[in-house]
Structure formats: C-alpha cells, structure tokens
Amino acid sequence: ALREAGKHAGEKEGNLNKAIQYLTRAWQLDPTVAETARLLGVAYGVAGQNDKAIEWFEKALELAPQSAAIMRDLATAWHHAGDEAKAAEWLARARAIDPSIGQQ
C-alpha cells in the first residue's frame, strides 16, 4: 500500500518528496521488494539526485539481477550522471536480456 501511495504521489501528484517518504517507509517495512527500490531510484532520478538514483537502482538489481527494466533505468541514471561508458554498458546488458529495450 505504501509503495502504491508513493508511486501515486510521484506520478499523479508530481510530489517527489511525498513519493520518496512513502517509498522509503515501504522499503523500511520490507527491504526485499525490488520494485520499491526501483521506484525510489526513479523518484531520485526525476529529482535530479543521480547518485541516489544509481544507489537505489543497484539495490533493485541485487534483488532482481535479471531485470532488463532496472538495467535500463540504471543506464539512464548513469547517462544523467554524465558517465556514458557505464550508461552504454548497462543498456547493452539490458538489451542482451530484452532486445526491445531502447527501441522506441
């Protein structure tokens, strides 16, 4: 419920602080859900806090190491952080699992 409230606060309300609060609380209650960590990464990324976004995407990948979507998100975070080599590496890993990644 907290994860969904955090997702709603970020996506529908545009309230990143509220989203991060809800998602952080959800993580504290259950630090085994990769999607919670991924959403925290997204929220921090949208907030321009690339270091924190990368940290959360890495935590999400520890829990879901074959997730092409999380790898894509991590690639995006590295791109925004200015590290094109790491961005390309993670995008390639994501595409190796799901060739449709980045084909929009």
PDB file of N, CA and C in Angstrom:
ATOM      1  N   ALA A   1       0.824  -1.196   0.000  1.00  0.00           N
ATOM      2  CA  ALA A   1       0.000   0.000   0.000  1.00  0.00           C
ATOM      3  C   ALA A   1       0.867   1.259   0.000  1.00  0.00           C
ATOM      4  N   LEU A   2       1.936   1.245   0.802  1.00  0.00           N
ATOM      5  CA  LEU A   2       2.813   2.412   0.848  1.00  0.00           C
ATOM      6  C   LEU A   2       3.535   2.611  -0.480  1.00  0.00           C
ATOM      7  N   ARG A   3       3.943   1.507  -1.101  1.00  0.00           N
ATOM      8  CA  ARG A   3       4.619   1.618  -2.399  1.00  0.00           C
ATOM      9  C   ARG A   3       3.686   2.234  -3.429  1.00  0.00           C
ATOM     10  N   GLU A   4       2.432   1.785  -3.443  1.00  0.00           N
ATOM     11  CA  GLU A   4       1.457   2.336  -4.389  1.00  0.00           C
ATOM     12  C   GLU A   4       1.168   3.803  -4.086  1.00  0.00           C
ATOM     13  N   ALA A   5       1.101   4.158  -2.802  1.00  0.00           N
ATOM     14  CA  ALA A   5       0.880   5.560  -2.429  1.00  0.00           C
ATOM     15  C   ALA A   5       2.052   6.416  -2.895  1.00  0.00           C
ATOM     16  N   GLY A   6       3.259   5.887  -2.751  1.00  0.00           N
ATOM     17  CA  GLY A   6       4.440   6.610  -3.212  1.00  0.00           C
ATOM     18  C   GLY A   6       4.453   6.775  -4.716  1.00  0.00           C
ATOM     19  N   LYS A   7       4.093   5.711  -5.417  1.00  0.00           N
ATOM     20  CA  LYS A   7       4.027   5.772  -6.882  1.00  0.00           C
ATOM     21  C   LYS A   7       2.995   6.807  -7.314  1.00  0.00           C
ATOM     22  N   HIS A   8       1.843   6.802  -6.665  1.00  0.00           N
ATOM     23  CA  HIS A   8       0.774   7.757  -6.983  1.00  0.00           C
ATOM     24  C   HIS A   8       1.229   9.191  -6.709  1.00  0.00           C
ATOM     25  N   ALA A   9       1.872   9.406  -5.554  1.00  0.00           N
ATOM     26  CA  ALA A   9       2.330  10.752  -5.201  1.00  0.00           C
ATOM     27  C   ALA A   9       3.303  11.285  -6.244  1.00  0.00           C
ATOM     28  N   GLY A  10       4.168  10.423  -6.742  1.00  0.00           N
ATOM     29  CA  GLY A  10       5.147  10.856  -7.734  1.00  0.00           C
ATOM     30  C   GLY A  10       4.564  11.028  -9.112  1.00  0.00           C
ATOM     31  N   GLU A  11       3.805  10.032  -9.568  1.00  0.00           N
ATOM     32  CA  GLU A  11       3.298  10.050 -10.944  1.00  0.00           C
ATOM     33  C   GLU A  11       2.102  10.962 -11.124  1.00  0.00           C
ATOM     34  N   LYS A  12       1.151  10.887 -10.235  1.00  0.00           N
ATOM     35  CA  LYS A  12      -0.112  11.615 -10.418  1.00  0.00           C
ATOM     36  C   LYS A  12      -0.083  13.010  -9.812  1.00  0.00           C
ATOM     37  N   GLU A  13       0.585  13.126  -8.658  1.00  0.00           N
ATOM     38  CA  GLU A  13       0.609  14.416  -7.964  1.00  0.00           C
ATOM     39  C   GLU A  13       1.864  15.226  -8.265  1.00  0.00           C
ATOM     40  N   GLY A  14       2.893  14.578  -8.770  1.00  0.00           N
ATOM     41  CA  GLY A  14       4.150  15.276  -9.017  1.00  0.00           C
ATOM     42  C   GLY A  14       4.858  15.694  -7.743  1.00  0.00           C
ATOM     43  N   ASN A  15       4.517  15.043  -6.628  1.00  0.00           N
ATOM     44  CA  ASN A  15       5.092  15.388  -5.335  1.00  0.00           C
ATOM     45  C   ASN A  15       6.207  14.393  -5.013  1.00  0.00           C
ATOM     46  N   LEU A  16       7.425  14.722  -5.413  1.00  0.00           N
ATOM     47  CA  LEU A  16       8.544  13.797  -5.242  1.00  0.00           C
ATOM     48  C   LEU A  16       8.904  13.581  -3.785  1.00  0.00           C
ATOM     49  N   ASN A  17       8.835  14.638  -2.970  1.00  0.00           N
ATOM     50  CA  ASN A  17       9.159  14.475  -1.550  1.00  0.00           C
ATOM     51  C   ASN A  17       8.215  13.485  -0.890  1.00  0.00           C
ATOM     52  N   LYS A  18       6.937  13.621  -1.175  1.00  0.00           N
ATOM     53  CA  LYS A  18       5.940  12.708  -0.621  1.00  0.00           C
ATOM     54  C   LYS A  18       6.167  11.296  -1.152  1.00  0.00           C
ATOM     55  N   ALA A  19       6.459  11.182  -2.433  1.00  0.00           N
ATOM     56  CA  ALA A  19       6.725   9.872  -3.032  1.00  0.00           C
ATOM     57  C   ALA A  19       7.904   9.201  -2.341  1.00  0.00           C
ATOM     58  N   ILE A  20       8.977   9.947  -2.157  1.00  0.00           N
ATOM     59  CA  ILE A  20      10.176   9.395  -1.516  1.00  0.00           C
ATOM     60  C   ILE A  20       9.878   8.990  -0.079  1.00  0.00           C
ATOM     61  N   GLN A  21       9.078   9.790   0.634  1.00  0.00           N
ATOM     62  CA  GLN A  21       8.715   9.434   2.013  1.00  0.00           C
ATOM     63  C   GLN A  21       7.958   8.117   2.059  1.00  0.00           C
ATOM     64  N   TYR A  22       6.931   7.986   1.237  1.00  0.00           N
ATOM     65  CA  TYR A  22       6.147   6.745   1.213  1.00  0.00           C
ATOM     66  C   TYR A  22       7.008   5.551   0.810  1.00  0.00           C
ATOM     67  N   LEU A  23       7.799   5.729  -0.226  1.00  0.00           N
ATOM     68  CA  LEU A  23       8.617   4.624  -0.724  1.00  0.00           C
ATOM     69  C   LEU A  23       9.697   4.227   0.274  1.00  0.00           C
ATOM     70  N   THR A  24      10.278   5.205   0.954  1.00  0.00           N
ATOM     71  CA  THR A  24      11.281   4.903   1.976  1.00  0.00           C
ATOM     72  C   THR A  24      10.654   4.105   3.106  1.00  0.00           C
ATOM     73  N   ARG A  25       9.457   4.491   3.512  1.00  0.00           N
ATOM     74  CA  ARG A  25       8.752   3.749   4.571  1.00  0.00           C
ATOM     75  C   ARG A  25       8.429   2.327   4.101  1.00  0.00           C
ATOM     76  N   ALA A  26       7.993   2.183   2.864  1.00  0.00           N
ATOM     77  CA  ALA A  26       7.716   0.849   2.322  1.00  0.00           C
ATOM     78  C   ALA A  26       8.983   0.001   2.337  1.00  0.00           C
ATOM     79  N   TRP A  27      10.113   0.602   1.984  1.00  0.00           N
ATOM     80  CA  TRP A  27      11.390  -0.109   1.976  1.00  0.00           C
ATOM     81  C   TRP A  27      11.781  -0.540   3.393  1.00  0.00           C
ATOM     82  N   GLN A  28      11.568   0.359   4.365  1.00  0.00           N
ATOM     83  CA  GLN A  28      11.894   0.023   5.751  1.00  0.00           C
ATOM     84  C   GLN A  28      11.070  -1.168   6.233  1.00  0.00           C
ATOM     85  N   LEU A  29       9.823  -1.236   5.805  1.00  0.00           N
ATOM     86  CA  LEU A  29       8.945  -2.333   6.218  1.00  0.00           C
ATOM     87  C   LEU A  29       9.275  -3.636   5.507  1.00  0.00           C
ATOM     88  N   ASP A  30       9.735  -3.561   4.260  1.00  0.00           N
ATOM     89  CA  ASP A  30      10.065  -4.772   3.502  1.00  0.00           C
ATOM     90  C   ASP A  30      11.167  -4.481   2.486  1.00  0.00           C
ATOM     91  N   PRO A  31      12.426  -4.645   2.915  1.00  0.00           N
ATOM     92  CA  PRO A  31      13.549  -4.357   2.020  1.00  0.00           C
ATOM     93  C   PRO A  31      13.885  -5.501   1.063  1.00  0.00           C
ATOM     94  N   THR A  32      12.882  -6.275   0.697  1.00  0.00           N
ATOM     95  CA  THR A  32      13.115  -7.394  -0.221  1.00  0.00           C
ATOM     96  C   THR A  32      12.388  -7.206  -1.548  1.00  0.00           C
ATOM     97  N   VAL A  33      11.738  -6.054  -1.731  1.00  0.00           N
ATOM     98  CA  VAL A  33      10.932  -5.828  -2.933  1.00  0.00           C
ATOM     99  C   VAL A  33      11.713  -4.938  -3.905  1.00  0.00           C
ATOM    100  N   ALA A  34      12.151  -5.537  -5.002  1.00  0.00           N
ATOM    101  CA  ALA A  34      12.949  -4.808  -5.990  1.00  0.00           C
ATOM    102  C   ALA A  34      12.200  -3.604  -6.549  1.00  0.00           C
ATOM    103  N   GLU A  35      10.895  -3.724  -6.745  1.00  0.00           N
ATOM    104  CA  GLU A  35      10.122  -2.626  -7.335  1.00  0.00           C
ATOM    105  C   GLU A  35      10.135  -1.387  -6.445  1.00  0.00           C
ATOM    106  N   THR A  36      10.153  -1.571  -5.130  1.00  0.00           N
ATOM    107  CA  THR A  36      10.232  -0.419  -4.228  1.00  0.00           C
ATOM    108  C   THR A  36      11.561   0.301  -4.435  1.00  0.00           C
ATOM    109  N   ALA A  37      12.649  -0.460  -4.483  1.00  0.00           N
ATOM    110  CA  ALA A  37      13.966   0.143  -4.708  1.00  0.00           C
ATOM    111  C   ALA A  37      14.016   0.825  -6.073  1.00  0.00           C
ATOM    112  N   ARG A  38      13.438   0.193  -7.086  1.00  0.00           N
ATOM    113  CA  ARG A  38      13.423   0.784  -8.431  1.00  0.00           C
ATOM    114  C   ARG A  38      12.665   2.104  -8.433  1.00  0.00           C
ATOM    115  N   LEU A  39      11.504   2.124  -7.775  1.00  0.00           N
ATOM    116  CA  LEU A  39      10.711   3.358  -7.729  1.00  0.00           C
ATOM    117  C   LEU A  39      11.440   4.460  -6.968  1.00  0.00           C
ATOM    118  N   LEU A  40      12.178   4.102  -5.922  1.00  0.00           N
ATOM    119  CA  LEU A  40      12.998   5.106  -5.232  1.00  0.00           C
ATOM    120  C   LEU A  40      14.059   5.646  -6.184  1.00  0.00           C
ATOM    121  N   GLY A  41      14.644   4.776  -6.982  1.00  0.00           N
ATOM    122  CA  GLY A  41      15.613   5.228  -7.980  1.00  0.00           C
ATOM    123  C   GLY A  41      14.998   6.184  -8.976  1.00  0.00           C
ATOM    124  N   VAL A  42      13.801   5.856  -9.433  1.00  0.00           N
ATOM    125  CA  VAL A  42      13.094   6.733 -10.377  1.00  0.00           C
ATOM    126  C   VAL A  42      12.824   8.086  -9.730  1.00  0.00           C
ATOM    127  N   ALA A  43      12.315   8.071  -8.501  1.00  0.00           N
ATOM    128  CA  ALA A  43      11.975   9.327  -7.819  1.00  0.00           C
ATOM    129  C   ALA A  43      13.215  10.199  -7.634  1.00  0.00           C
ATOM    130  N   TYR A  44      14.308   9.598  -7.176  1.00  0.00           N
ATOM    131  CA  TYR A  44      15.536  10.377  -7.002  1.00  0.00           C
ATOM    132  C   TYR A  44      16.080  10.856  -8.347  1.00  0.00           C
ATOM    133  N   GLY A  45      15.941  10.045  -9.374  1.00  0.00           N
ATOM    134  CA  GLY A  45      16.389  10.459 -10.703  1.00  0.00           C
ATOM    135  C   GLY A  45      15.617  11.652 -11.217  1.00  0.00           C
ATOM    136  N   VAL A  46      14.298  11.613 -11.067  1.00  0.00           N
ATOM    137  CA  VAL A  46      13.459  12.737 -11.503  1.00  0.00           C
ATOM    138  C   VAL A  46      13.804  13.984 -10.699  1.00  0.00           C
ATOM    139  N   ALA A  47      14.176  13.779  -9.427  1.00  0.00           N
ATOM    140  CA  ALA A  47      14.551  14.906  -8.568  1.00  0.00           C
ATOM    141  C   ALA A  47      15.955  15.425  -8.885  1.00  0.00           C
ATOM    142  N   GLY A  48      16.655  14.764  -9.820  1.00  0.00           N
ATOM    143  CA  GLY A  48      17.990  15.214 -10.196  1.00  0.00           C
ATOM    144  C   GLY A  48      19.088  14.735  -9.267  1.00  0.00           C
ATOM    145  N   GLN A  49      18.764  13.809  -8.378  1.00  0.00           N
ATOM    146  CA  GLN A  49      19.751  13.268  -7.442  1.00  0.00           C
ATOM    147  C   GLN A  49      20.285  11.943  -8.006  1.00  0.00           C
ATOM    148  N   ASN A  50      21.152  12.074  -9.005  1.00  0.00           N
ATOM    149  CA  ASN A  50      21.613  10.908  -9.754  1.00  0.00           C
ATOM    150  C   ASN A  50      22.363   9.893  -8.906  1.00  0.00           C
ATOM    151  N   ASP A  51      23.178  10.356  -7.948  1.00  0.00           N
ATOM    152  CA  ASP A  51      23.920   9.415  -7.109  1.00  0.00           C
ATOM    153  C   ASP A  51      22.971   8.517  -6.328  1.00  0.00           C
ATOM    154  N   LYS A  52      21.926   9.123  -5.758  1.00  0.00           N
ATOM    155  CA  LYS A  52      20.950   8.331  -5.002  1.00  0.00           C
ATOM    156  C   LYS A  52      20.151   7.432  -5.934  1.00  0.00           C
ATOM    157  N   ALA A  53      19.834   7.924  -7.120  1.00  0.00           N
ATOM    158  CA  ALA A  53      19.109   7.100  -8.089  1.00  0.00           C
ATOM    159  C   ALA A  53      19.926   5.855  -8.422  1.00  0.00           C
ATOM    160  N   ILE A  54      21.197   6.031  -8.707  1.00  0.00           N
ATOM    161  CA  ILE A  54      22.077   4.906  -9.037  1.00  0.00           C
ATOM    162  C   ILE A  54      22.138   3.922  -7.874  1.00  0.00           C
ATOM    163  N   GLU A  55      22.276   4.448  -6.668  1.00  0.00           N
ATOM    164  CA  GLU A  55      22.333   3.598  -5.475  1.00  0.00           C
ATOM    165  C   GLU A  55      21.080   2.721  -5.363  1.00  0.00           C
ATOM    166  N   TRP A  56      19.908   3.319  -5.582  1.00  0.00           N
ATOM    167  CA  TRP A  56      18.660   2.560  -5.465  1.00  0.00           C
ATOM    168  C   TRP A  56      18.483   1.573  -6.609  1.00  0.00           C
ATOM    169  N   PHE A  57      18.880   1.955  -7.820  1.00  0.00           N
ATOM    170  CA  PHE A  57      18.783   1.006  -8.932  1.00  0.00           C
ATOM    171  C   PHE A  57      19.716  -0.187  -8.697  1.00  0.00           C
ATOM    172  N   GLU A  58      20.891   0.069  -8.120  1.00  0.00           N
ATOM    173  CA  GLU A  58      21.805  -1.034  -7.817  1.00  0.00           C
ATOM    174  C   GLU A  58      21.210  -1.966  -6.763  1.00  0.00           C
ATOM    175  N   LYS A  59      20.541  -1.397  -5.753  1.00  0.00           N
ATOM    176  CA  LYS A  59      19.862  -2.232  -4.754  1.00  0.00           C
ATOM    177  C   LYS A  59      18.764  -3.059  -5.415  1.00  0.00           C
ATOM    178  N   ALA A  60      18.028  -2.445  -6.309  1.00  0.00           N
ATOM    179  CA  ALA A  60      16.956  -3.162  -7.008  1.00  0.00           C
ATOM    180  C   ALA A  60      17.535  -4.324  -7.812  1.00  0.00           C
ATOM    181  N   LEU A  61      18.676  -4.090  -8.463  1.00  0.00           N
ATOM    182  CA  LEU A  61      19.306  -5.149  -9.261  1.00  0.00           C
ATOM    183  C   LEU A  61      19.822  -6.295  -8.404  1.00  0.00           C
ATOM    184  N   GLU A  62      20.241  -5.995  -7.176  1.00  0.00           N
ATOM    185  CA  GLU A  62      20.661  -7.066  -6.271  1.00  0.00           C
ATOM    186  C   GLU A  62      19.498  -8.026  -6.024  1.00  0.00           C
ATOM    187  N   LEU A  63      18.293  -7.474  -5.971  1.00  0.00           N
ATOM    188  CA  LEU A  63      17.100  -8.276  -5.698  1.00  0.00           C
ATOM    189  C   LEU A  63      16.517  -8.909  -6.957  1.00  0.00           C
ATOM    190  N   ALA A  64      16.744  -8.280  -8.094  1.00  0.00           N
ATOM    191  CA  ALA A  64      16.205  -8.779  -9.373  1.00  0.00           C
ATOM    192  C   ALA A  64      17.303  -8.670 -10.434  1.00  0.00           C
ATOM    193  N   PRO A  65      18.330  -9.522 -10.331  1.00  0.00           N
ATOM    194  CA  PRO A  65      19.515  -9.367 -11.183  1.00  0.00           C
ATOM    195  C   PRO A  65      19.292  -9.579 -12.675  1.00  0.00           C
ATOM    196  N   GLN A  66      18.170 -10.129 -13.069  1.00  0.00           N
ATOM    197  CA  GLN A  66      17.893 -10.347 -14.495  1.00  0.00           C
ATOM    198  C   GLN A  66      16.868  -9.358 -15.049  1.00  0.00           C
ATOM    199  N   SER A  67      16.592  -8.286 -14.312  1.00  0.00           N
ATOM    200  CA  SER A  67      15.584  -7.320 -14.752  1.00  0.00           C
ATOM    201  C   SER A  67      16.160  -6.345 -15.779  1.00  0.00           C
ATOM    202  N   ALA A  68      15.751  -6.514 -17.021  1.00  0.00           N
ATOM    203  CA  ALA A  68      16.188  -5.604 -18.080  1.00  0.00           C
ATOM    204  C   ALA A  68      15.671  -4.190 -17.828  1.00  0.00           C
ATOM    205  N   ALA A  69      14.481  -4.064 -17.263  1.00  0.00           N
ATOM    206  CA  ALA A  69      13.910  -2.740 -16.991  1.00  0.00           C
ATOM    207  C   ALA A  69      14.756  -1.979 -15.977  1.00  0.00           C
ATOM    208  N   ILE A  70      15.207  -2.661 -14.930  1.00  0.00           N
ATOM    209  CA  ILE A  70      16.054  -1.995 -13.934  1.00  0.00           C
ATOM    210  C   ILE A  70      17.399  -1.639 -14.557  1.00  0.00           C
ATOM    211  N   MET A  71      17.948  -2.515 -15.382  1.00  0.00           N
ATOM    212  CA  MET A  71      19.211  -2.211 -16.066  1.00  0.00           C
ATOM    213  C   MET A  71      19.056  -0.983 -16.955  1.00  0.00           C
ATOM    214  N   ARG A  72      17.914  -0.882 -17.645  1.00  0.00           N
ATOM    215  CA  ARG A  72      17.648   0.289 -18.488  1.00  0.00           C
ATOM    216  C   ARG A  72      17.585   1.550 -17.625  1.00  0.00           C
ATOM    217  N   ASP A  73      16.902   1.455 -16.484  1.00  0.00           N
ATOM    218  CA  ASP A  73      16.813   2.607 -15.584  1.00  0.00           C
ATOM    219  C   ASP A  73      18.194   3.006 -15.074  1.00  0.00           C
ATOM    220  N   LEU A  74      19.016   2.011 -14.749  1.00  0.00           N
ATOM    221  CA  LEU A  74      20.375   2.289 -14.286  1.00  0.00           C
ATOM    222  C   LEU A  74      21.193   2.946 -15.400  1.00  0.00           C
ATOM    223  N   ALA A  75      21.025   2.485 -16.628  1.00  0.00           N
ATOM    224  CA  ALA A  75      21.710   3.106 -17.769  1.00  0.00           C
ATOM    225  C   ALA A  75      21.313   4.573 -17.899  1.00  0.00           C
ATOM    226  N   THR A  76      20.025   4.843 -17.745  1.00  0.00           N
ATOM    227  CA  THR A  76      19.536   6.226 -17.830  1.00  0.00           C
ATOM    228  C   THR A  76      20.148   7.081 -16.726  1.00  0.00           C
ATOM    229  N   ALA A  77      20.220   6.537 -15.517  1.00  0.00           N
ATOM    230  CA  ALA A  77      20.794   7.283 -14.392  1.00  0.00           C
ATOM    231  C   ALA A  77      22.271   7.583 -14.640  1.00  0.00           C
ATOM    232  N   TRP A  78      23.015   6.604 -15.146  1.00  0.00           N
ATOM    233  CA  TRP A  78      24.422   6.848 -15.459  1.00  0.00           C
ATOM    234  C   TRP A  78      24.560   7.901 -16.557  1.00  0.00           C
ATOM    235  N   HIS A  79      23.670   7.871 -17.537  1.00  0.00           N
ATOM    236  CA  HIS A  79      23.674   8.884 -18.598  1.00  0.00           C
ATOM    237  C   HIS A  79      23.484  10.277 -17.988  1.00  0.00           C
ATOM    238  N   HIS A  80      22.492  10.414 -17.117  1.00  0.00           N
ATOM    239  CA  HIS A  80      22.229  11.718 -16.491  1.00  0.00           C
ATOM    240  C   HIS A  80      23.372  12.145 -15.570  1.00  0.00           C
ATOM    241  N   ALA A  81      24.102  11.162 -15.031  1.00  0.00           N
ATOM    242  CA  ALA A  81      25.252  11.469 -14.178  1.00  0.00           C
ATOM    243  C   ALA A  81      26.490  11.810 -15.009  1.00  0.00           C
ATOM    244  N   GLY A  82      26.392  11.648 -16.339  1.00  0.00           N
ATOM    245  CA  GLY A  82      27.490  12.022 -17.217  1.00  0.00           C
ATOM    246  C   GLY A  82      28.489  10.920 -17.516  1.00  0.00           C
ATOM    247  N   ASP A  83      28.176   9.680 -17.139  1.00  0.00           N
ATOM    248  CA  ASP A  83      29.084   8.565 -17.412  1.00  0.00           C
ATOM    249  C   ASP A  83      28.522   7.734 -18.563  1.00  0.00           C
ATOM    250  N   GLU A  84      28.876   8.135 -19.773  1.00  0.00           N
ATOM    251  CA  GLU A  84      28.333   7.480 -20.965  1.00  0.00           C
ATOM    252  C   GLU A  84      28.818   6.042 -21.108  1.00  0.00           C
ATOM    253  N   ALA A  85      30.026   5.743 -20.626  1.00  0.00           N
ATOM    254  CA  ALA A  85      30.542   4.374 -20.723  1.00  0.00           C
ATOM    255  C   ALA A  85      29.689   3.423 -19.885  1.00  0.00           C
ATOM    256  N   LYS A  86      29.404   3.817 -18.656  1.00  0.00           N
ATOM    257  CA  LYS A  86      28.567   2.961 -17.804  1.00  0.00           C
ATOM    258  C   LYS A  86      27.139   2.905 -18.333  1.00  0.00           C
ATOM    259  N   ALA A  87      26.659   4.020 -18.859  1.00  0.00           N
ATOM    260  CA  ALA A  87      25.310   4.029 -19.440  1.00  0.00           C
ATOM    261  C   ALA A  87      25.233   3.025 -20.588  1.00  0.00           C
ATOM    262  N   ALA A  88      26.226   3.041 -21.463  1.00  0.00           N
ATOM    263  CA  ALA A  88      26.240   2.125 -22.608  1.00  0.00           C
ATOM    264  C   ALA A  88      26.364   0.674 -22.152  1.00  0.00           C
ATOM    265  N   GLU A  89      27.180   0.444 -21.131  1.00  0.00           N
ATOM    266  CA  GLU A  89      27.359  -0.915 -20.601  1.00  0.00           C
ATOM    267  C   GLU A  89      26.031  -1.477 -20.079  1.00  0.00           C
ATOM    268  N   TRP A  90      25.321  -0.682 -19.289  1.00  0.00           N
ATOM    269  CA  TRP A  90      24.063  -1.171 -18.714  1.00  0.00           C
ATOM    270  C   TRP A  90      22.969  -1.293 -19.765  1.00  0.00           C
ATOM    271  N   LEU A  91      22.973  -0.409 -20.736  1.00  0.00           N
ATOM    272  CA  LEU A  91      21.988  -0.522 -21.813  1.00  0.00           C
ATOM    273  C   LEU A  91      22.243  -1.798 -22.628  1.00  0.00           C
ATOM    274  N   ALA A  92      23.502  -2.104 -22.873  1.00  0.00           N
ATOM    275  CA  ALA A  92      23.843  -3.334 -23.600  1.00  0.00           C
ATOM    276  C   ALA A  92      23.414  -4.570 -22.815  1.00  0.00           C
ATOM    277  N   ARG A  93      23.620  -4.542 -21.503  1.00  0.00           N
ATOM    278  CA  ARG A  93      23.191  -5.669 -20.664  1.00  0.00           C
ATOM    279  C   ARG A  93      21.673  -5.830 -20.714  1.00  0.00           C
ATOM    280  N   ALA A  94      20.969  -4.707 -20.652  1.00  0.00           N
ATOM    281  CA  ALA A  94      19.503  -4.756 -20.705  1.00  0.00           C
ATOM    282  C   ALA A  94      19.044  -5.332 -22.040  1.00  0.00           C
ATOM    283  N   ARG A  95      19.660  -4.882 -23.120  1.00  0.00           N
ATOM    284  CA  ARG A  95      19.274  -5.360 -24.459  1.00  0.00           C
ATOM    285  C   ARG A  95      19.614  -6.833 -24.672  1.00  0.00           C
ATOM    286  N   ALA A  96      20.651  -7.315 -23.996  1.00  0.00           N
ATOM    287  CA  ALA A  96      21.001  -8.736 -24.108  1.00  0.00           C
ATOM    288  C   ALA A  96      19.882  -9.608 -23.540  1.00  0.00           C
ATOM    289  N   ILE A  97      19.180  -9.084 -22.548  1.00  0.00           N
ATOM    290  CA  ILE A  97      18.061  -9.808 -21.937  1.00  0.00           C
ATOM    291  C   ILE A  97      16.770  -9.545 -22.699  1.00  0.00           C
ATOM    292  N   ASP A  98      16.569  -8.283 -23.066  1.00  0.00           N
ATOM    293  CA  ASP A  98      15.338  -7.887 -23.767  1.00  0.00           C
ATOM    294  C   ASP A  98      15.709  -6.979 -24.939  1.00  0.00           C
ATOM    295  N   PRO A  99      15.819  -7.534 -26.144  1.00  0.00           N
ATOM    296  CA  PRO A  99      16.236  -6.750 -27.311  1.00  0.00           C
ATOM    297  C   PRO A  99      15.321  -5.567 -27.638  1.00  0.00           C
ATOM    298  N   SER A 100      14.110  -5.540 -27.109  1.00  0.00           N
ATOM    299  CA  SER A 100      13.204  -4.423 -27.396  1.00  0.00           C
ATOM    300  C   SER A 100      13.525  -3.183 -26.561  1.00  0.00           C
ATOM    301  N   ILE A 101      14.399  -3.314 -25.561  1.00  0.00           N
ATOM    302  CA  ILE A 101      14.769  -2.168 -24.715  1.00  0.00           C
ATOM    303  C   ILE A 101      15.413  -1.099 -25.592  1.00  0.00           C
ATOM    304  N   GLY A 102      14.934   0.119 -25.452  1.00  0.00           N
ATOM    305  CA  GLY A 102      15.503   1.236 -26.187  1.00  0.00           C
ATOM    306  C   GLY A 102      15.121   1.295 -27.652  1.00  0.00           C
ATOM    307  N   GLN A 103      14.118   0.546 -28.055  1.00  0.00           N
ATOM    308  CA  GLN A 103      13.711   0.510 -29.461  1.00  0.00           C
ATOM    309  C   GLN A 103      12.536   1.438 -29.770  1.00  0.00           C
ATOM    310  N   GLN A 104      12.188   2.327 -28.826  1.00  0.00           N
ATOM    311  CA  GLN A 104      11.013   3.186 -29.026  1.00  0.00           C
ATOM    312  C   GLN A 104      11.214   4.098 -30.202  1.00  0.00           C
TER     313      GLN A 104
END
